[in-house]
Protein backbone atom coordinates (compact mmCIF):
# COMPACT_ATOMS: atom_id res chain seq x y z
CA MET A 1 163.57 162.34 151.72
CA SER A 2 167.16 162.37 150.51
CA LEU A 3 170.37 160.53 151.33
CA THR A 4 173.52 162.09 152.68
CA TYR A 5 176.88 161.45 151.09
CA GLU A 6 177.81 159.12 153.95
CA GLN A 7 174.62 157.13 153.48
CA THR A 8 175.25 156.68 149.77
CA ARG A 9 178.76 155.49 150.65
CA LEU A 10 177.33 152.92 153.04
CA ILE A 11 174.85 151.72 150.42
CA ARG A 12 177.60 151.23 147.87
CA ALA A 13 179.67 149.37 150.46
CA THR A 14 176.99 146.65 150.52
CA VAL A 15 177.27 146.03 146.77
CA PRO A 16 179.85 143.20 147.09
CA ILE A 17 177.62 141.48 149.66
CA ILE A 18 174.56 141.78 147.45
CA ARG A 19 176.55 140.45 144.52
CA GLN A 20 177.68 137.46 146.57
CA ASP A 21 174.62 136.76 148.74
CA GLY A 22 171.84 138.56 146.91
CA GLU A 23 169.90 135.42 146.05
CA ARG A 24 170.05 134.36 149.67
CA ILE A 25 168.66 137.76 150.70
CA SER A 26 165.91 137.50 148.10
CA THR A 27 165.05 133.95 149.13
CA LEU A 28 164.70 134.91 152.79
CA PHE A 29 162.70 137.97 151.83
CA TYR A 30 160.17 136.09 149.71
CA THR A 31 159.91 133.07 152.00
CA ASN A 32 159.30 135.07 155.18
CA MET A 33 156.95 137.55 153.54
CA ILE A 34 154.76 134.89 151.92
CA ARG A 35 154.80 132.82 155.11
CA ASP A 36 153.34 135.71 157.11
CA HIS A 37 151.19 137.13 154.28
CA PRO A 38 149.95 134.15 152.23
CA GLY A 39 147.85 136.45 150.05
CA MET A 40 151.06 137.74 148.49
CA HIS A 41 151.19 134.43 146.62
CA ALA A 42 148.80 135.97 144.11
CA TYR A 43 151.34 138.51 142.86
CA PHE A 44 154.10 136.06 141.97
CA ASN A 45 154.18 133.35 139.34
CA PRO A 46 154.82 130.19 141.40
CA VAL A 47 156.92 128.59 138.66
CA SER A 48 159.16 131.65 138.49
CA MET A 49 159.54 131.46 142.26
CA GLN A 50 160.44 127.78 142.22
CA THR A 51 162.94 128.03 139.40
CA GLY A 52 164.55 131.05 141.03
CA HIS A 53 163.82 133.47 138.17
CA GLN A 54 161.92 135.91 140.39
CA PRO A 55 164.52 136.01 143.23
CA ARG A 56 167.34 136.40 140.72
CA ALA A 57 165.54 139.26 138.99
CA PHE A 58 164.95 140.98 142.31
CA THR A 59 168.59 140.49 143.30
CA ARG A 60 169.73 142.27 140.15
CA MET A 61 167.33 145.09 140.79
CA MET A 62 168.78 145.60 144.27
CA LEU A 63 172.29 145.41 142.85
CA ALA A 64 171.51 147.96 140.14
CA PHE A 65 169.94 150.33 142.64
CA ALA A 66 172.80 150.07 145.13
CA SER A 67 175.41 150.48 142.40
CA SER A 68 173.67 153.59 141.01
CA ILE A 69 172.83 155.23 144.31
CA HIS A 70 174.99 158.30 143.50
CA ASP A 71 173.04 158.89 140.28
CA ILE A 72 169.77 156.99 140.06
CA SER A 73 168.68 158.74 136.88
CA GLY A 74 169.96 155.74 134.93
CA LEU A 75 167.30 153.59 136.60
CA VAL A 76 164.36 155.60 135.29
CA ALA A 77 163.59 153.19 132.42
CA ARG A 78 163.84 150.19 134.71
CA MET A 79 161.56 151.81 137.25
CA GLU A 80 159.06 152.60 134.52
CA LYS A 81 158.70 148.92 133.67
CA VAL A 82 158.13 148.06 137.33
CA ALA A 83 155.62 150.89 137.77
CA GLN A 84 153.68 149.80 134.70
CA LYS A 85 153.56 146.22 135.99
CA HIS A 86 152.39 147.43 139.41
CA ALA A 87 149.62 149.49 137.86
CA SER A 88 148.53 146.49 135.82
CA LEU A 89 148.32 144.44 139.02
CA SER A 90 146.51 147.20 140.97
CA ILE A 91 149.27 147.32 143.57
CA THR A 92 148.35 149.35 146.65
CA PRO A 93 150.68 151.53 148.75
CA GLU A 94 150.12 149.23 151.72
CA LEU A 95 151.93 146.44 149.92
CA TYR A 96 155.07 148.56 149.78
CA ASP A 97 155.14 148.63 153.57
CA ILE A 98 155.00 144.84 153.71
CA VAL A 99 157.75 144.46 151.13
CA GLY A 100 159.99 147.02 152.84
CA THR A 101 159.68 145.40 156.25
CA TYR A 102 160.66 141.94 155.09
CA LEU A 103 163.41 143.07 152.76
CA LEU A 104 165.19 144.98 155.51
CA GLN A 105 164.78 142.01 157.83
CA ALA A 106 166.40 139.77 155.21
CA PHE A 107 169.26 142.23 154.83
CA GLY A 108 169.87 142.17 158.56
CA GLU A 109 169.81 138.39 158.78
CA VAL A 110 172.28 137.87 155.94
CA LEU A 111 174.63 140.76 156.64
CA GLY A 112 174.79 140.10 160.39
CA PRO A 113 175.21 142.58 163.23
CA HIS A 114 178.74 143.56 162.24
CA CYS A 115 177.70 144.88 158.80
CA TRP A 116 174.05 145.65 159.53
CA ASN A 117 174.63 148.33 162.13
CA ASP A 118 172.40 151.32 162.87
CA ALA A 119 174.05 153.54 160.26
CA THR A 120 173.75 150.98 157.45
CA ARG A 121 170.18 150.11 158.37
CA THR A 122 169.17 153.79 158.39
CA ALA A 123 170.88 154.32 155.02
CA TRP A 124 168.98 151.43 153.45
CA GLU A 125 165.71 152.57 155.00
CA ARG A 126 166.14 155.94 153.35
CA ALA A 127 167.32 154.46 150.06
CA TYR A 128 164.28 152.24 150.07
CA ALA A 129 162.05 155.25 150.63
CA VAL A 130 163.70 157.02 147.68
CA MET A 131 162.91 154.10 145.41
CA ALA A 132 159.39 154.00 146.82
CA GLY A 133 158.91 157.65 146.07
CA MET A 134 159.94 157.10 142.46
CA LEU A 135 157.56 154.20 142.05
CA THR A 136 154.51 155.41 143.94
CA ARG A 137 154.60 158.85 142.35
CA ARG A 138 154.85 157.34 138.89
CA GLU A 139 152.08 154.87 139.65
CA GLU A 140 149.87 157.71 140.86
CA PHE A 141 150.03 159.28 137.41
CA ILE A 142 149.47 155.96 135.69
CA TYR A 143 146.33 155.43 137.76
CA ARG A 144 145.17 158.93 136.94
CA ASP A 145 145.67 158.19 133.27
CA PHE A 146 143.54 155.07 133.72
CA GLY A 147 140.65 157.35 134.68
CA SER A 148 137.66 155.63 136.26
CA TRP A 149 138.94 152.15 135.44
CA VAL A 150 141.38 151.28 138.22
CA GLY A 151 141.36 147.70 139.42
CA TRP A 152 139.67 144.59 138.12
CA ARG A 153 136.83 144.76 135.61
CA ARG A 154 134.56 141.94 134.45
CA PHE A 155 134.62 140.96 130.78
CA VAL A 156 132.55 138.47 128.82
CA VAL A 157 134.13 136.29 126.14
CA SER A 158 132.28 137.30 122.99
CA ARG A 159 134.37 135.15 120.65
CA ARG A 160 137.26 132.72 120.80
CA TRP A 161 139.04 130.83 118.07
CA VAL A 162 141.94 128.45 117.71
CA GLU A 163 144.96 130.07 116.11
CA LEU A 164 147.10 126.92 116.15
CA ALA A 165 145.73 123.46 116.92
CA GLY A 166 147.58 121.04 119.16
CA THR A 167 149.75 118.30 117.76
CA GLU A 168 149.65 114.60 118.53
CA SER A 169 152.49 115.09 121.00
CA GLY A 170 150.34 117.48 123.02
CA GLU A 171 152.29 120.58 122.09
CA GLY A 172 150.50 123.56 120.70
CA ASP A 173 147.00 124.88 121.31
CA THR A 174 147.09 128.62 120.83
CA VAL A 175 143.75 130.38 121.27
CA THR A 176 142.71 134.01 120.82
CA PHE A 177 140.01 135.45 123.06
CA GLU A 178 137.91 138.48 122.17
CA VAL A 179 136.29 139.99 125.25
CA ARG A 180 133.81 142.80 125.84
CA PRO A 181 133.14 144.65 129.12
CA GLU A 182 130.21 143.22 131.02
CA ASP A 183 128.96 146.72 131.88
CA GLY A 184 128.79 147.62 128.19
CA ARG A 185 130.78 150.82 128.64
CA LYS A 186 133.24 152.01 126.02
CA LEU A 187 136.81 150.80 126.35
CA PRO A 188 139.82 153.13 126.35
CA PRO A 189 142.23 152.77 123.42
CA PHE A 190 145.44 150.95 124.19
CA GLN A 191 148.91 151.63 122.89
CA PRO A 192 150.20 148.98 120.46
CA GLY A 193 152.47 146.70 122.47
CA GLN A 194 150.63 146.93 125.80
CA TYR A 195 149.28 144.05 127.88
CA VAL A 196 146.45 143.35 130.31
CA SER A 197 146.53 141.40 133.57
CA LEU A 198 144.12 138.53 134.01
CA ARG A 199 143.02 137.15 137.38
CA VAL A 200 142.16 133.45 137.54
CA SER A 201 140.70 131.78 140.62
CA GLY A 202 140.14 128.13 141.35
CA VAL A 203 143.44 127.00 139.81
CA PRO A 204 144.10 123.34 140.75
CA GLY A 205 146.67 123.08 143.50
CA ARG A 206 146.67 126.82 144.30
CA ASP A 207 144.93 128.44 147.26
CA HIS A 208 145.06 131.95 145.81
CA PRO A 209 144.03 133.61 142.55
CA GLN A 210 146.70 133.50 139.86
CA LEU A 211 147.60 136.67 137.97
CA ARG A 212 148.96 136.55 134.42
CA GLN A 213 149.76 139.15 131.79
CA TYR A 214 148.81 138.79 128.12
CA TYR A 215 149.77 141.13 125.31
CA LEU A 216 146.88 142.64 123.38
CA CYS A 217 146.94 141.61 119.72
CA GLY A 218 144.01 143.52 118.23
CA ASP A 219 143.87 146.77 116.29
CA PRO A 220 144.13 149.68 118.75
CA ALA A 221 142.01 151.82 116.43
CA ALA A 222 139.14 149.31 116.67
CA SER A 223 139.26 148.57 120.39
CA SER A 224 136.42 150.71 121.73
CA SER A 225 134.15 147.73 122.38
CA THR A 226 136.42 144.65 122.59
CA TYR A 227 139.98 143.61 123.38
CA ARG A 228 141.84 140.62 121.99
CA PHE A 229 144.62 138.56 123.53
CA THR A 230 146.19 135.23 122.66
CA VAL A 231 146.93 132.40 125.10
CA LYS A 232 149.42 129.65 124.29
CA ARG A 233 149.33 126.40 126.20
CA ASP A 234 152.60 125.62 127.94
CA ALA A 235 154.05 122.84 125.82
CA SER A 236 156.68 121.65 128.28
CA ARG A 237 156.67 118.11 129.54
CA GLU A 238 156.38 119.48 133.09
CA ALA A 239 152.77 120.46 132.46
CA GLU A 240 151.78 116.92 131.58
CA ASN A 241 149.80 116.25 134.76
CA TYR A 242 147.44 119.19 134.31
CA SER A 243 144.67 116.84 133.21
CA GLU A 244 145.09 114.84 136.41
CA LEU A 245 144.86 118.01 138.50
CA SER A 246 141.83 119.32 136.66
CA GLN A 247 139.91 116.10 137.22
CA HIS A 248 139.60 117.01 140.89
CA GLY A 249 137.56 120.11 140.18
CA SER A 250 136.63 121.45 136.76
CA ARG A 251 135.50 125.06 136.51
CA ASP A 252 132.44 126.66 134.97
CA PHE A 253 133.31 130.03 133.50
CA ARG A 254 129.90 130.88 132.14
CA SER A 255 128.51 134.31 132.97
CA THR A 256 126.99 134.23 136.44
CA PRO A 257 125.95 136.76 139.09
CA ARG A 258 128.81 138.39 140.96
CA SER A 259 128.12 136.45 144.12
CA THR A 260 128.32 133.05 142.44
CA SER A 261 131.57 131.33 143.32
CA SER A 262 131.64 129.18 140.20
CA SER A 263 132.58 132.18 138.11
CA MET A 264 136.24 133.02 137.79
CA ALA A 265 135.45 136.66 138.28
CA ALA A 266 133.51 136.14 141.47
CA VAL A 267 136.41 134.85 143.52
CA ALA A 268 138.62 137.90 143.18
CA PRO A 269 139.46 139.31 146.61
CA SER A 270 140.85 142.70 147.36
CA SER A 271 144.59 143.03 147.86
CA PRO A 272 146.20 140.42 150.12
CA SER A 273 146.59 142.97 152.86
CA GLY A 274 142.90 143.72 152.80
CA SER A 275 143.37 147.23 151.50
CA ARG A 276 141.14 148.90 149.02
CA ARG A 277 142.14 149.55 145.45
CA PRO A 278 144.74 152.23 144.81
CA SER A 279 143.37 155.72 144.63
CA PRO A 280 145.06 158.23 142.34
CA ASN A 281 144.70 160.85 145.04
CA ARG A 282 145.90 158.67 147.90
CA VAL A 283 149.26 157.28 146.86
CA ARG A 284 151.66 157.75 149.72
CA HIS A 285 155.43 157.65 150.13
CA ARG A 286 156.23 154.01 150.67
CA GLY A 287 158.98 151.44 150.49
CA GLY A 288 160.19 149.91 147.25
CA SER A 289 158.65 147.04 145.36
CA SER A 290 159.64 143.57 144.35
CA ILE A 291 156.56 142.52 142.45
CA SER A 292 158.41 142.61 139.17
CA SER A 293 161.98 143.51 138.32
CA ALA A 294 162.18 142.95 134.62
CA ASP A 295 164.23 144.53 131.91
CA SER A 296 162.85 147.61 130.37
CA PRO A 297 162.64 147.03 126.63
CA GLY A 298 164.01 150.51 126.17
CA SER A 299 167.23 151.08 124.29
CA SER A 300 169.44 151.26 127.36
CA ILE A 301 168.56 147.83 128.75
CA ARG A 302 169.53 144.56 127.18
CA PRO A 303 168.31 140.98 127.71
CA GLU A 304 170.61 138.85 129.83
CA SER A 305 171.86 135.45 128.81
CA PRO A 306 169.83 132.92 130.82
CA PRO A 307 171.54 130.82 133.49
CA THR A 308 172.63 127.35 132.54
CA SER A 309 170.66 125.77 135.34
CA ASP A 310 167.93 126.64 137.79
CA SER A 311 167.43 125.65 141.38
CA SER A 312 164.40 125.84 143.57
CA LEU A 313 165.03 128.86 145.77
CA VAL A 314 161.69 129.50 147.42
CA SER A 315 159.44 126.97 149.09
CA SER A 316 156.43 128.34 150.87
CA PRO A 317 155.26 126.49 153.98
CA LYS A 318 151.76 126.65 152.51
CA SER A 319 152.77 124.93 149.29
CA THR A 320 155.57 122.39 149.43
CA ALA A 321 154.61 120.52 146.26
CA ARG A 322 156.31 121.57 143.09
CA VAL A 323 154.01 123.78 141.03
CA GLN A 324 153.51 122.66 137.46
CA PRO A 325 153.81 125.24 134.70
CA GLY A 326 151.05 125.75 132.19
CA VAL A 327 148.09 125.11 134.50
CA VAL A 328 146.60 128.59 134.05
CA SER A 329 146.96 128.65 130.27
CA SER A 330 145.48 125.16 130.07
CA MET A 331 142.50 126.21 132.18
CA LEU A 332 141.83 129.17 129.92
CA ILE A 333 142.13 127.14 126.73
CA ASP A 334 140.21 124.08 127.91
CA GLN A 335 137.49 125.63 130.06
CA VAL A 336 136.76 129.23 129.04
CA ARG A 337 134.16 129.36 126.28
CA GLU A 338 132.04 132.07 124.68
CA GLY A 339 129.91 133.67 127.39
CA GLY A 340 132.51 132.97 130.05
CA VAL A 341 133.47 135.74 132.48
CA LEU A 342 137.04 136.92 132.96
CA GLU A 343 138.57 139.73 134.99
CA LEU A 344 141.05 142.15 133.41
CA THR A 345 142.84 145.33 134.39
CA HIS A 346 143.46 148.45 132.32
CA PRO A 347 146.04 148.00 129.53
CA ALA A 348 149.55 148.92 130.66
CA GLY A 349 153.17 148.47 129.65
CA GLU A 350 156.04 150.44 128.16
CA PHE A 351 156.97 148.18 125.21
CA THR A 352 155.05 150.42 122.84
CA LEU A 353 155.39 151.70 119.31
CA GLU A 354 157.24 154.99 119.29
CA PRO A 355 155.90 157.97 117.33
CA ALA A 356 157.62 158.32 113.98
CA THR A 357 160.55 160.70 113.72
CA SER A 358 161.65 159.70 110.23
CA GLU A 359 160.83 157.55 107.22
CA THR A 360 163.18 154.75 108.33
CA PRO A 361 161.98 151.15 108.07
CA ILE A 362 160.52 149.26 111.01
CA VAL A 363 161.45 145.60 111.58
CA LEU A 364 159.17 143.50 113.78
CA ILE A 365 160.95 140.34 114.96
CA SER A 366 159.17 137.73 117.06
CA ALA A 367 159.13 134.11 118.13
CA GLY A 368 156.06 132.14 119.17
CA VAL A 369 153.37 134.10 120.97
CA GLY A 370 155.76 137.05 121.08
CA ALA A 371 154.08 137.99 117.82
CA ALA A 372 151.01 139.23 119.74
CA PRO A 373 152.15 142.77 120.63
CA LEU A 374 153.87 143.14 117.27
CA LEU A 375 150.62 142.31 115.49
CA SER A 376 148.94 145.30 117.15
CA MET A 377 151.92 147.41 116.07
CA LEU A 378 151.64 146.10 112.53
CA LYS A 379 147.95 146.96 112.36
CA THR A 380 148.75 150.47 113.62
CA LEU A 381 151.49 150.98 111.05
CA LEU A 382 149.42 150.03 108.02
CA PRO A 383 147.03 152.38 106.20
CA SER A 384 143.90 150.57 107.31
CA SER A 385 144.71 151.38 110.92
CA THR A 386 146.54 154.68 110.90
CA SER A 387 143.51 156.70 109.92
CA ALA A 388 142.10 156.22 113.39
CA ALA A 389 145.34 155.86 115.27
CA GLY A 390 146.05 159.51 115.96
CA GLY A 391 146.69 160.02 119.63
CA LEU A 392 147.12 156.32 120.39
CA ALA A 393 150.88 156.44 120.63
CA ARG A 394 151.22 158.48 123.78
CA GLN A 395 154.53 159.02 125.44
CA HIS A 396 154.96 158.71 129.18
CA PRO A 397 156.89 161.32 131.15
CA LEU A 398 159.89 159.05 131.63
CA GLN A 399 160.69 158.65 127.97
CA GLN A 400 163.20 161.01 126.46
CA ASN A 401 161.61 163.82 124.49
CA PRO A 402 162.27 167.56 124.09
CA HIS A 403 159.75 168.41 126.79
CA CYS A 404 160.96 165.88 129.34
CA PRO A 405 164.75 165.50 129.54
CA THR A 406 166.20 162.55 131.40
CA PRO A 407 167.69 163.54 134.78
CA SER A 408 171.46 163.87 134.69
CA THR A 409 172.25 165.05 138.20
CA THR A 410 174.91 163.34 140.25
CA SER A 411 173.20 162.75 143.58
CA SER A 412 170.27 160.57 144.54
CA ALA A 413 168.51 163.53 146.13
CA SER A 414 168.68 165.77 143.08
CA SER A 415 167.91 162.86 140.73
CA THR A 416 164.79 162.04 142.69
CA THR A 417 163.70 165.67 142.75
CA SER A 418 164.18 165.93 139.01
CA PHE A 419 162.29 162.68 138.51
CA GLN A 420 159.38 163.93 140.62
CA ARG A 421 159.34 167.26 138.80
CA GLU A 422 159.08 165.48 135.44
CA VAL A 423 156.26 163.26 136.64
CA ASN A 424 154.36 166.21 138.11
CA SER A 425 154.61 168.43 135.05
CA ASN A 426 154.34 165.95 132.17
CA PRO A 427 151.08 164.02 131.96
CA TYR A 428 150.47 161.80 128.97
CA THR A 429 150.20 163.85 125.80
CA PRO A 430 148.95 162.66 122.41
CA GLN A 431 151.63 162.14 119.81
CA ALA A 432 151.43 161.87 116.03
CA PRO A 433 150.96 158.30 114.75
CA PRO A 434 153.75 156.58 112.82
CA GLN A 435 154.18 157.76 109.23
CA PRO A 436 152.01 155.68 106.88
CA THR A 437 154.74 155.39 104.25
CA ARG A 438 157.44 153.68 106.32
CA PRO A 439 158.51 150.24 105.07
CA VAL A 440 157.72 147.41 107.47
CA SER A 441 159.29 143.95 107.71
CA TRP A 442 157.63 141.13 109.66
CA VAL A 443 160.07 138.39 110.72
CA HIS A 444 158.56 135.55 112.75
CA GLY A 445 160.00 132.28 114.02
CA SER A 446 158.02 129.29 115.24
CA ARG A 447 158.71 125.66 116.01
CA GLN A 448 155.58 124.49 114.24
CA GLN A 449 153.09 126.61 112.31
CA PRO A 450 153.60 130.42 112.35
CA LEU A 451 151.20 132.40 114.51
CA TYR A 452 148.90 134.92 112.76
CA ALA A 453 150.28 133.80 109.38
CA ALA A 454 146.96 134.21 107.54
CA GLN A 455 146.42 137.74 108.88
CA VAL A 456 149.96 138.83 108.06
CA ARG A 457 149.88 137.37 104.56
CA GLU A 458 146.59 139.12 103.88
CA LEU A 459 148.13 142.41 105.00
CA VAL A 460 151.05 141.77 102.64
CA LYS A 461 148.57 141.40 99.77
CA GLU A 462 146.89 144.67 100.74
CA ASN A 463 150.20 146.53 101.17
CA PRO A 464 152.69 144.90 98.76
CA ASP A 465 154.84 148.03 98.47
CA ARG A 466 155.19 148.56 102.21
CA LEU A 467 155.10 145.22 103.97
CA ARG A 468 157.22 142.10 103.54
CA ALA A 469 156.90 138.99 105.72
CA THR A 470 159.34 136.17 106.46
CA PHE A 471 158.56 133.04 108.47
CA PHE A 472 161.12 130.51 109.67
CA LYS A 473 161.40 127.52 111.98
CA THR A 474 163.16 127.64 115.35
CA ARG A 475 164.85 124.95 117.35
CA LEU A 476 163.92 123.84 120.86
CA ALA A 477 165.74 125.50 123.75
CA ASP A 478 166.80 123.78 126.97
CA SER A 479 163.67 122.29 128.50
CA GLU A 480 164.37 123.97 131.83
CA LEU A 481 163.53 127.37 130.31
CA LEU A 482 160.11 126.23 129.13
CA SER A 483 160.46 128.27 125.98
CA TYR A 484 161.67 128.20 122.40
CA THR A 485 164.77 129.79 121.01
CA LEU A 486 166.39 130.53 117.67
CA ASP A 487 169.99 130.24 116.55
CA PHE A 488 169.68 133.37 114.45
CA ALA A 489 173.08 133.06 112.77
CA THR A 490 172.36 129.49 111.65
CA ASP A 491 169.06 130.45 110.06
CA LEU A 492 170.69 133.42 108.33
CA ASN A 493 173.42 131.22 106.92
CA LEU A 494 170.74 128.94 105.53
CA GLY A 495 169.17 131.89 103.76
CA ARG A 496 165.89 131.75 105.64
CA VAL A 497 166.22 135.35 106.78
CA ARG A 498 167.82 137.79 104.35
CA PRO A 499 169.96 140.40 106.12
CA VAL A 500 169.38 143.16 103.58
CA GLU A 501 165.86 142.52 102.34
CA ASP A 502 164.28 141.36 105.62
CA LEU A 503 166.38 143.10 108.29
CA TYR A 504 167.57 146.21 106.40
CA LEU A 505 171.19 145.54 107.30
CA SER A 506 174.13 146.77 105.26
CA SER A 507 177.31 144.71 105.29
CA GLY A 508 178.80 145.67 108.65
CA ARG A 509 177.69 149.30 108.41
CA GLY A 510 174.76 148.92 110.79
CA SER A 511 171.23 149.97 109.99
CA GLN A 512 168.97 153.00 110.15
CA ALA A 513 165.91 150.82 110.74
CA GLU A 514 164.08 150.56 114.05
CA TYR A 515 163.64 147.12 115.59
CA TYR A 516 160.94 145.76 117.89
CA VAL A 517 161.72 142.29 119.21
CA CYS A 518 159.51 140.06 121.36
CA GLY A 519 159.81 136.45 122.40
CA PRO A 520 161.34 134.12 125.00
CA GLN A 521 164.44 135.31 126.78
CA ARG A 522 166.98 133.21 124.88
CA PHE A 523 165.47 134.29 121.60
CA LEU A 524 165.99 137.92 122.58
CA VAL A 525 169.59 137.22 123.52
CA GLU A 526 170.27 135.59 120.16
CA VAL A 527 168.67 138.47 118.27
CA GLN A 528 170.57 141.01 120.35
CA LYS A 529 173.87 139.26 119.67
CA TYR A 530 173.15 139.14 115.96
CA LEU A 531 172.18 142.81 115.75
CA ASP A 532 175.23 143.78 117.79
CA ALA A 533 177.46 141.81 115.44
CA ASN A 534 175.96 143.77 112.56
CA ARG A 535 176.64 147.10 114.30
CA VAL A 536 173.04 148.05 114.87
CA ASP A 537 172.82 150.95 117.32
CA PRO A 538 171.29 149.54 120.55
CA GLY A 539 169.25 152.72 120.79
CA ARG A 540 167.30 151.58 117.72
CA VAL A 541 166.18 148.29 119.30
CA ARG A 542 163.36 147.72 121.80
CA TYR A 543 162.74 144.40 123.53
CA GLY A 544 159.57 142.86 124.92
CA MET A 545 159.92 139.78 127.09
CA LEU A 546 157.51 136.91 127.64
CA SER A 547 158.84 136.09 131.10
CA ILE A 548 160.39 137.68 134.16
CA GLY A 549 163.36 139.71 133.01
CA VAL A 550 166.61 140.74 134.56
CA MET A 551 168.18 144.10 135.11
CA GLU A 552 171.45 143.81 133.22
CA LYS A 553 173.11 141.73 130.56
CA LYS A 554 176.00 139.56 131.69
CA ASP A 555 179.35 140.20 130.09
């Protein structure tokens, strides 16, 4: 399905309205959809809904799509992030129909009969189908790459240990879980930088399972039997009444038969619409998706400066009480012990270590638990891991490479056709691992004790000629963001991070290094500003976010 020139003109004519009333459209969309389909609660972080982060992210996605309707090739990286998130959540084609119906209804209600006439409605219906075709076709290939593991799989906690203990003020508690598949079957290797989704049922105050993503932090070359991920308790003051909530019903996460409701894994329903899991051979042409509209960490997308204030935009009739952040992480840390059963999906995500094309240095910059995906990258880059890492760093069909050029056509129809052709003809292909001789710099900021410090320092001892590590303290961000941030320039002026030695910068002449950055949103913005000021080519920087992202950086 393609759009005519007149339809693309009508789509672009709605851009000013979306820019002005987009959050209102998103709010109506989410409120009405969740009211009529309560099971959709499971796919959205309730705190992100209440603070307005999710509606704002979706608004920017709509705005980006409408603004680029003449040439949607520039949205490929953004769509890849959404498709990866969908695959991680086991999104079914039926959910696209639900999303499309309520989004178009919200458009009609906000635009009114004068603007939302038959021609405009038909144009948006077709545009929506174009976006759906991009997403569902991509997701079909992701599911095929997953092989026999599509959907939720039961894992047993084989080990868990405290990375960082809590402080007297209640802030802290960072725990790493090592899990093995309950069925004992071999696990597929993951790409360094990928995450898994976790489904948690029985969360106090929530009627539906809660889904969360956690970056894998283990060695990809040693992941055939277990995965590792790290959970950090939400340290914000807004999570203070978790203990009061949990008193009304503690959970037992010990391994139990599948039919036993006391196990986290036993509560997991099928999709909210009652549909079966997505089948690689049954993905149909459907409407677009709003499950996640985050920045792609690719070179063409930058983190946006966070808003100065948040307002509660969405209030579901089923849940009028304000949802407290940190309940899920606290449940995992306080109640899941060795032998407990968890449910995970196949590793996914596009914030991955690129195959080496040169001997240039790699700089891994993180804050807080953002160190998790970078630790798996670090273990892949070092000699102890690279011997078994061949073929781990696989490149998806949407990334630029000599065999898969990015579409550059000037119409939505031809862009979509080119996109589909690339997806059809370019399955995942093994790539050479990063060169084992490249210098690596680990730069990590934390408010208290640095995460994974002992592991990193040990790796420095083993690889003194290749790896250097720098740790520094960060300052607290605005409490409304529930995250930490770093004033990068201040720390550099204090000499805590050395521009040349630690960041491979050369006095205003930029850098030939490659940068991987992960942390809270404001941290990414600060790092991006600093690298920009030092003339680092944006194409050499990749970002991984710890929260819902946005589509574009504000000027």
